[in-house]
Amino acid sequence: MPMAKLIISYMTWKQAIMNWRALPPEEKRRRRWARIPLNVAESMAFEGEPVNIAMLQAEHDQRTPLATSKPRSAS
């Protein structure tokens, strides 16, 4: 029986932007919120600080996203 081939397709940056813009606002908020621990870890690692991603994730999980009353402005 032949092995299944793993096919990885990469999006161009234009496709990624189009896909992001097509997402509903709630999904964009959810993804931004979920990415915070990794963003902090990357920033700390860049500065040469010791980083414990599990600790950052645990702290993040204890918090809830802030509700915003107005949409983010485009810059």
PDB file of N, CA and C in Angstrom:
ATOM      1  N   MET A   1       0.855  -1.180   0.000  1.00  0.00           N
ATOM      2  CA  MET A   1       0.000   0.000   0.000  1.00  0.00           C
ATOM      3  C   MET A   1       0.901   1.244   0.000  1.00  0.00           C
ATOM      4  N   PRO A   2       0.697   2.179  -0.923  1.00  0.00           N
ATOM      5  CA  PRO A   2       1.549   3.369  -0.977  1.00  0.00           C
ATOM      6  C   PRO A   2       1.279   4.309   0.193  1.00  0.00           C
ATOM      7  N   MET A   3       2.337   5.000   0.612  1.00  0.00           N
ATOM      8  CA  MET A   3       2.200   5.972   1.698  1.00  0.00           C
ATOM      9  C   MET A   3       1.532   7.227   1.167  1.00  0.00           C
ATOM     10  N   ALA A   4       0.742   7.838   2.014  1.00  0.00           N
ATOM     11  CA  ALA A   4       0.096   9.098   1.630  1.00  0.00           C
ATOM     12  C   ALA A   4       1.150  10.189   1.571  1.00  0.00           C
ATOM     13  N   LYS A   5       1.052  11.017   0.575  1.00  0.00           N
ATOM     14  CA  LYS A   5       2.001  12.123   0.439  1.00  0.00           C
ATOM     15  C   LYS A   5       1.502  13.310   1.236  1.00  0.00           C
ATOM     16  N   LEU A   6       2.422  13.950   1.899  1.00  0.00           N
ATOM     17  CA  LEU A   6       2.107  15.170   2.629  1.00  0.00           C
ATOM     18  C   LEU A   6       2.253  16.334   1.662  1.00  0.00           C
ATOM     19  N   ILE A   7       1.162  17.022   1.446  1.00  0.00           N
ATOM     20  CA  ILE A   7       1.182  18.148   0.531  1.00  0.00           C
ATOM     21  C   ILE A   7       1.023  19.415   1.350  1.00  0.00           C
ATOM     22  N   ILE A   8       2.014  20.272   1.248  1.00  0.00           N
ATOM     23  CA  ILE A   8       1.983  21.545   1.953  1.00  0.00           C
ATOM     24  C   ILE A   8       1.867  22.636   0.910  1.00  0.00           C
ATOM     25  N   SER A   9       0.817  23.415   1.045  1.00  0.00           N
ATOM     26  CA  SER A   9       0.691  24.540   0.115  1.00  0.00           C
ATOM     27  C   SER A   9       0.849  25.821   0.920  1.00  0.00           C
ATOM     28  N   TYR A  10       1.685  26.677   0.415  1.00  0.00           N
ATOM     29  CA  TYR A  10       1.940  27.937   1.076  1.00  0.00           C
ATOM     30  C   TYR A  10       1.151  29.032   0.377  1.00  0.00           C
ATOM     31  N   MET A  11       0.640  29.949   1.175  1.00  0.00           N
ATOM     32  CA  MET A  11      -0.062  31.092   0.617  1.00  0.00           C
ATOM     33  C   MET A  11       0.951  32.184   0.309  1.00  0.00           C
ATOM     34  N   THR A  12       0.628  32.948  -0.692  1.00  0.00           N
ATOM     35  CA  THR A  12       1.433  34.142  -0.928  1.00  0.00           C
ATOM     36  C   THR A  12       1.008  35.170   0.109  1.00  0.00           C
ATOM     37  N   TRP A  13       1.769  36.216   0.260  1.00  0.00           N
ATOM     38  CA  TRP A  13       1.411  37.249   1.232  1.00  0.00           C
ATOM     39  C   TRP A  13       0.091  37.905   0.839  1.00  0.00           C
ATOM     40  N   LYS A  14      -0.185  37.993  -0.455  1.00  0.00           N
ATOM     41  CA  LYS A  14      -1.454  38.581  -0.889  1.00  0.00           C
ATOM     42  C   LYS A  14      -2.628  37.691  -0.504  1.00  0.00           C
ATOM     43  N   GLN A  15      -2.474  36.388  -0.665  1.00  0.00           N
ATOM     44  CA  GLN A  15      -3.531  35.460  -0.274  1.00  0.00           C
ATOM     45  C   GLN A  15      -3.757  35.505   1.239  1.00  0.00           C
ATOM     46  N   ALA A  16      -2.678  35.594   2.003  1.00  0.00           N
ATOM     47  CA  ALA A  16      -2.803  35.652   3.463  1.00  0.00           C
ATOM     48  C   ALA A  16      -3.578  36.901   3.882  1.00  0.00           C
ATOM     49  N   ILE A  17      -3.284  38.028   3.246  1.00  0.00           N
ATOM     50  CA  ILE A  17      -4.001  39.270   3.567  1.00  0.00           C
ATOM     51  C   ILE A  17      -5.471  39.154   3.188  1.00  0.00           C
ATOM     52  N   MET A  18      -5.739  38.610   2.020  1.00  0.00           N
ATOM     53  CA  MET A  18      -7.131  38.457   1.582  1.00  0.00           C
ATOM     54  C   MET A  18      -7.902  37.533   2.534  1.00  0.00           C
ATOM     55  N   ASN A  19      -7.257  36.440   2.954  1.00  0.00           N
ATOM     56  CA  ASN A  19      -7.903  35.517   3.892  1.00  0.00           C
ATOM     57  C   ASN A  19      -8.172  36.197   5.232  1.00  0.00           C
ATOM     58  N   TRP A  20      -7.196  36.988   5.719  1.00  0.00           N
ATOM     59  CA  TRP A  20      -7.376  37.694   6.987  1.00  0.00           C
ATOM     60  C   TRP A  20      -8.543  38.676   6.897  1.00  0.00           C
ATOM     61  N   ARG A  21      -8.600  39.426   5.835  1.00  0.00           N
ATOM     62  CA  ARG A  21      -9.659  40.416   5.666  1.00  0.00           C
ATOM     63  C   ARG A  21     -11.027  39.773   5.548  1.00  0.00           C
ATOM     64  N   ALA A  22     -11.083  38.537   5.069  1.00  0.00           N
ATOM     65  CA  ALA A  22     -12.353  37.838   4.907  1.00  0.00           C
ATOM     66  C   ALA A  22     -12.881  37.263   6.225  1.00  0.00           C
ATOM     67  N   LEU A  23     -12.029  37.190   7.237  1.00  0.00           N
ATOM     68  CA  LEU A  23     -12.467  36.626   8.518  1.00  0.00           C
ATOM     69  C   LEU A  23     -13.453  37.550   9.210  1.00  0.00           C
ATOM     70  N   PRO A  24     -14.404  36.973   9.949  1.00  0.00           N
ATOM     71  CA  PRO A  24     -15.302  37.814  10.756  1.00  0.00           C
ATOM     72  C   PRO A  24     -14.517  38.481  11.883  1.00  0.00           C
ATOM     73  N   PRO A  25     -14.971  39.651  12.329  1.00  0.00           N
ATOM     74  CA  PRO A  25     -14.249  40.382  13.395  1.00  0.00           C
ATOM     75  C   PRO A  25     -14.003  39.549  14.656  1.00  0.00           C
ATOM     76  N   GLU A  26     -14.956  38.720  15.034  1.00  0.00           N
ATOM     77  CA  GLU A  26     -14.792  37.910  16.252  1.00  0.00           C
ATOM     78  C   GLU A  26     -13.639  36.915  16.095  1.00  0.00           C
ATOM     79  N   GLU A  27     -13.488  36.330  14.921  1.00  0.00           N
ATOM     80  CA  GLU A  27     -12.394  35.391  14.688  1.00  0.00           C
ATOM     81  C   GLU A  27     -11.053  36.120  14.689  1.00  0.00           C
ATOM     82  N   LYS A  28     -11.005  37.320  14.150  1.00  0.00           N
ATOM     83  CA  LYS A  28      -9.776  38.108  14.182  1.00  0.00           C
ATOM     84  C   LYS A  28      -9.380  38.400  15.626  1.00  0.00           C
ATOM     85  N   ARG A  29     -10.366  38.797  16.458  1.00  0.00           N
ATOM     86  CA  ARG A  29     -10.086  39.064  17.872  1.00  0.00           C
ATOM     87  C   ARG A  29      -9.580  37.812  18.571  1.00  0.00           C
ATOM     88  N   ARG A  30     -10.227  36.675  18.299  1.00  0.00           N
ATOM     89  CA  ARG A  30      -9.833  35.421  18.940  1.00  0.00           C
ATOM     90  C   ARG A  30      -8.393  35.063  18.576  1.00  0.00           C
ATOM     91  N   ARG A  31      -8.033  35.189  17.310  1.00  0.00           N
ATOM     92  CA  ARG A  31      -6.682  34.854  16.872  1.00  0.00           C
ATOM     93  C   ARG A  31      -5.641  35.808  17.448  1.00  0.00           C
ATOM     94  N   ARG A  32      -5.974  37.107  17.487  1.00  0.00           N
ATOM     95  CA  ARG A  32      -5.037  38.072  18.084  1.00  0.00           C
ATOM     96  C   ARG A  32      -4.804  37.735  19.551  1.00  0.00           C
ATOM     97  N   TRP A  33      -5.913  37.457  20.264  1.00  0.00           N
ATOM     98  CA  TRP A  33      -5.826  37.145  21.689  1.00  0.00           C
ATOM     99  C   TRP A  33      -4.995  35.876  21.919  1.00  0.00           C
ATOM    100  N   ALA A  34      -5.200  34.839  21.118  1.00  0.00           N
ATOM    101  CA  ALA A  34      -4.488  33.580  21.287  1.00  0.00           C
ATOM    102  C   ALA A  34      -2.993  33.727  21.001  1.00  0.00           C
ATOM    103  N   ARG A  35      -2.613  34.690  20.211  1.00  0.00           N
ATOM    104  CA  ARG A  35      -1.209  34.864  19.802  1.00  0.00           C
ATOM    105  C   ARG A  35      -0.377  35.647  20.823  1.00  0.00           C
ATOM    106  N   ILE A  36      -1.000  36.274  21.794  1.00  0.00           N
ATOM    107  CA  ILE A  36      -0.276  37.127  22.742  1.00  0.00           C
ATOM    108  C   ILE A  36       0.876  36.409  23.444  1.00  0.00           C
ATOM    109  N   PRO A  37       0.682  35.217  24.029  1.00  0.00           N
ATOM    110  CA  PRO A  37       1.820  34.574  24.717  1.00  0.00           C
ATOM    111  C   PRO A  37       3.021  34.336  23.801  1.00  0.00           C
ATOM    112  N   LEU A  38       2.772  33.918  22.578  1.00  0.00           N
ATOM    113  CA  LEU A  38       3.880  33.690  21.660  1.00  0.00           C
ATOM    114  C   LEU A  38       4.553  35.004  21.279  1.00  0.00           C
ATOM    115  N   ASN A  39       3.782  36.060  21.086  1.00  0.00           N
ATOM    116  CA  ASN A  39       4.376  37.370  20.782  1.00  0.00           C
ATOM    117  C   ASN A  39       5.292  37.834  21.921  1.00  0.00           C
ATOM    118  N   VAL A  40       4.823  37.662  23.154  1.00  0.00           N
ATOM    119  CA  VAL A  40       5.622  38.055  24.323  1.00  0.00           C
ATOM    120  C   VAL A  40       6.882  37.205  24.399  1.00  0.00           C
ATOM    121  N   ALA A  41       6.745  35.893  24.197  1.00  0.00           N
ATOM    122  CA  ALA A  41       7.899  35.000  24.253  1.00  0.00           C
ATOM    123  C   ALA A  41       8.934  35.365  23.186  1.00  0.00           C
ATOM    124  N   GLU A  42       8.459  35.657  21.985  1.00  0.00           N
ATOM    125  CA  GLU A  42       9.389  36.034  20.912  1.00  0.00           C
ATOM    126  C   GLU A  42      10.112  37.337  21.249  1.00  0.00           C
ATOM    127  N   SER A  43       9.395  38.280  21.812  1.00  0.00           N
ATOM    128  CA  SER A  43       9.996  39.554  22.184  1.00  0.00           C
ATOM    129  C   SER A  43      11.041  39.367  23.276  1.00  0.00           C
ATOM    130  N   MET A  44      10.707  38.559  24.280  1.00  0.00           N
ATOM    131  CA  MET A  44      11.648  38.303  25.372  1.00  0.00           C
ATOM    132  C   MET A  44      12.887  37.580  24.859  1.00  0.00           C
ATOM    133  N   ALA A  45      12.701  36.593  23.984  1.00  0.00           N
ATOM    134  CA  ALA A  45      13.834  35.852  23.437  1.00  0.00           C
ATOM    135  C   ALA A  45      14.722  36.770  22.603  1.00  0.00           C
ATOM    136  N   PHE A  46      14.128  37.667  21.859  1.00  0.00           N
ATOM    137  CA  PHE A  46      14.895  38.608  21.048  1.00  0.00           C
ATOM    138  C   PHE A  46      15.783  39.482  21.923  1.00  0.00           C
ATOM    139  N   GLU A  47      15.285  39.844  23.098  1.00  0.00           N
ATOM    140  CA  GLU A  47      16.049  40.678  24.030  1.00  0.00           C
ATOM    141  C   GLU A  47      17.019  39.867  24.883  1.00  0.00           C
ATOM    142  N   GLY A  48      17.038  38.545  24.687  1.00  0.00           N
ATOM    143  CA  GLY A  48      17.963  37.701  25.441  1.00  0.00           C
ATOM    144  C   GLY A  48      17.467  37.361  26.836  1.00  0.00           C
ATOM    145  N   GLU A  49      16.197  37.587  27.102  1.00  0.00           N
ATOM    146  CA  GLU A  49      15.619  37.271  28.411  1.00  0.00           C
ATOM    147  C   GLU A  49      15.226  35.799  28.452  1.00  0.00           C
ATOM    148  N   PRO A  50      15.390  35.154  29.605  1.00  0.00           N
ATOM    149  CA  PRO A  50      14.902  33.785  29.710  1.00  0.00           C
ATOM    150  C   PRO A  50      13.378  33.785  29.583  1.00  0.00           C
ATOM    151  N   VAL A  51      12.854  32.812  28.874  1.00  0.00           N
ATOM    152  CA  VAL A  51      11.417  32.788  28.626  1.00  0.00           C
ATOM    153  C   VAL A  51      10.857  31.398  28.880  1.00  0.00           C
ATOM    154  N   ASN A  52       9.741  31.350  29.563  1.00  0.00           N
ATOM    155  CA  ASN A  52       9.036  30.096  29.828  1.00  0.00           C
ATOM    156  C   ASN A  52       7.657  30.237  29.199  1.00  0.00           C
ATOM    157  N   ILE A  53       7.496  29.675  28.004  1.00  0.00           N
ATOM    158  CA  ILE A  53       6.240  29.828  27.275  1.00  0.00           C
ATOM    159  C   ILE A  53       5.067  29.202  28.038  1.00  0.00           C
ATOM    160  N   ALA A  54       5.315  28.128  28.778  1.00  0.00           N
ATOM    161  CA  ALA A  54       4.234  27.490  29.549  1.00  0.00           C
ATOM    162  C   ALA A  54       3.719  28.443  30.629  1.00  0.00           C
ATOM    163  N   MET A  55       4.620  29.164  31.276  1.00  0.00           N
ATOM    164  CA  MET A  55       4.215  30.131  32.300  1.00  0.00           C
ATOM    165  C   MET A  55       3.425  31.268  31.665  1.00  0.00           C
ATOM    166  N   LEU A  56       3.910  31.760  30.530  1.00  0.00           N
ATOM    167  CA  LEU A  56       3.195  32.836  29.842  1.00  0.00           C
ATOM    168  C   LEU A  56       1.792  32.382  29.432  1.00  0.00           C
ATOM    169  N   GLN A  57       1.698  31.158  28.908  1.00  0.00           N
ATOM    170  CA  GLN A  57       0.392  30.632  28.484  1.00  0.00           C
ATOM    171  C   GLN A  57      -0.541  30.464  29.681  1.00  0.00           C
ATOM    172  N   ALA A  58      -0.014  29.987  30.805  1.00  0.00           N
ATOM    173  CA  ALA A  58      -0.837  29.813  32.008  1.00  0.00           C
ATOM    174  C   ALA A  58      -1.361  31.160  32.505  1.00  0.00           C
ATOM    175  N   GLU A  59      -0.504  32.172  32.518  1.00  0.00           N
ATOM    176  CA  GLU A  59      -0.946  33.518  32.925  1.00  0.00           C
ATOM    177  C   GLU A  59      -2.005  34.047  31.976  1.00  0.00           C
ATOM    178  N   HIS A  60      -1.790  33.839  30.699  1.00  0.00           N
ATOM    179  CA  HIS A  60      -2.716  34.323  29.680  1.00  0.00           C
ATOM    180  C   HIS A  60      -4.078  33.636  29.799  1.00  0.00           C
ATOM    181  N   ASP A  61      -4.058  32.341  30.093  1.00  0.00           N
ATOM    182  CA  ASP A  61      -5.307  31.577  30.205  1.00  0.00           C
ATOM    183  C   ASP A  61      -6.172  32.047  31.368  1.00  0.00           C
ATOM    184  N   GLN A  62      -5.570  32.701  32.356  1.00  0.00           N
ATOM    185  CA  GLN A  62      -6.323  33.183  33.513  1.00  0.00           C
ATOM    186  C   GLN A  62      -7.055  34.487  33.218  1.00  0.00           C
ATOM    187  N   ARG A  63      -6.753  35.087  32.108  1.00  0.00           N
ATOM    188  CA  ARG A  63      -7.345  36.378  31.770  1.00  0.00           C
ATOM    189  C   ARG A  63      -8.392  36.215  30.687  1.00  0.00           C
ATOM    190  N   THR A  64      -9.231  37.212  30.586  1.00  0.00           N
ATOM    191  CA  THR A  64     -10.225  37.220  29.518  1.00  0.00           C
ATOM    192  C   THR A  64      -9.954  38.419  28.623  1.00  0.00           C
ATOM    193  N   PRO A  65     -10.278  38.288  27.359  1.00  0.00           N
ATOM    194  CA  PRO A  65     -10.034  39.415  26.449  1.00  0.00           C
ATOM    195  C   PRO A  65     -10.852  40.628  26.862  1.00  0.00           C
ATOM    196  N   LEU A  66     -10.277  41.792  26.658  1.00  0.00           N
ATOM    197  CA  LEU A  66     -11.000  43.020  26.938  1.00  0.00           C
ATOM    198  C   LEU A  66     -12.020  43.260  25.843  1.00  0.00           C
ATOM    199  N   ALA A  67     -13.187  43.698  26.229  1.00  0.00           N
ATOM    200  CA  ALA A  67     -14.202  44.034  25.240  1.00  0.00           C
ATOM    201  C   ALA A  67     -13.923  45.442  24.748  1.00  0.00           C
ATOM    202  N   THR A  68     -13.968  45.615  23.462  1.00  0.00           N
ATOM    203  CA  THR A  68     -13.747  46.946  22.906  1.00  0.00           C
ATOM    204  C   THR A  68     -15.073  47.475  22.387  1.00  0.00           C
ATOM    205  N   SER A  69     -15.312  48.747  22.648  1.00  0.00           N
ATOM    206  CA  SER A  69     -16.574  49.343  22.220  1.00  0.00           C
ATOM    207  C   SER A  69     -16.481  49.940  20.834  1.00  0.00           C
ATOM    208  N   LYS A  70     -15.274  50.186  20.369  1.00  0.00           N
ATOM    209  CA  LYS A  70     -15.141  50.723  19.021  1.00  0.00           C
ATOM    210  C   LYS A  70     -14.141  49.889  18.244  1.00  0.00           C
ATOM    211  N   PRO A  71     -14.332  49.777  16.934  1.00  0.00           N
ATOM    212  CA  PRO A  71     -13.405  48.962  16.143  1.00  0.00           C
ATOM    213  C   PRO A  71     -12.046  49.635  16.049  1.00  0.00           C
ATOM    214  N   ARG A  72     -11.030  48.815  15.806  1.00  0.00           N
ATOM    215  CA  ARG A  72      -9.678  49.336  15.638  1.00  0.00           C
ATOM    216  C   ARG A  72      -9.627  50.159  14.365  1.00  0.00           C
ATOM    217  N   SER A  73      -8.900  51.247  14.417  1.00  0.00           N
ATOM    218  CA  SER A  73      -8.769  52.090  13.232  1.00  0.00           C
ATOM    219  C   SER A  73      -7.714  51.519  12.318  1.00  0.00           C
ATOM    220  N   ALA A  74      -7.937  51.660  11.030  1.00  0.00           N
ATOM    221  CA  ALA A  74      -6.955  51.215  10.054  1.00  0.00           C
ATOM    222  C   ALA A  74      -5.846  52.248   9.956  1.00  0.00           C
ATOM    223  N   SER A  75      -4.597  51.777   9.908  1.00  0.00           N
ATOM    224  CA  SER A  75      -3.499  52.728   9.794  1.00  0.00           C
ATOM    225  C   SER A  75      -2.725  52.522   8.536  1.00  0.00           C
TER     226      SER A  75
END
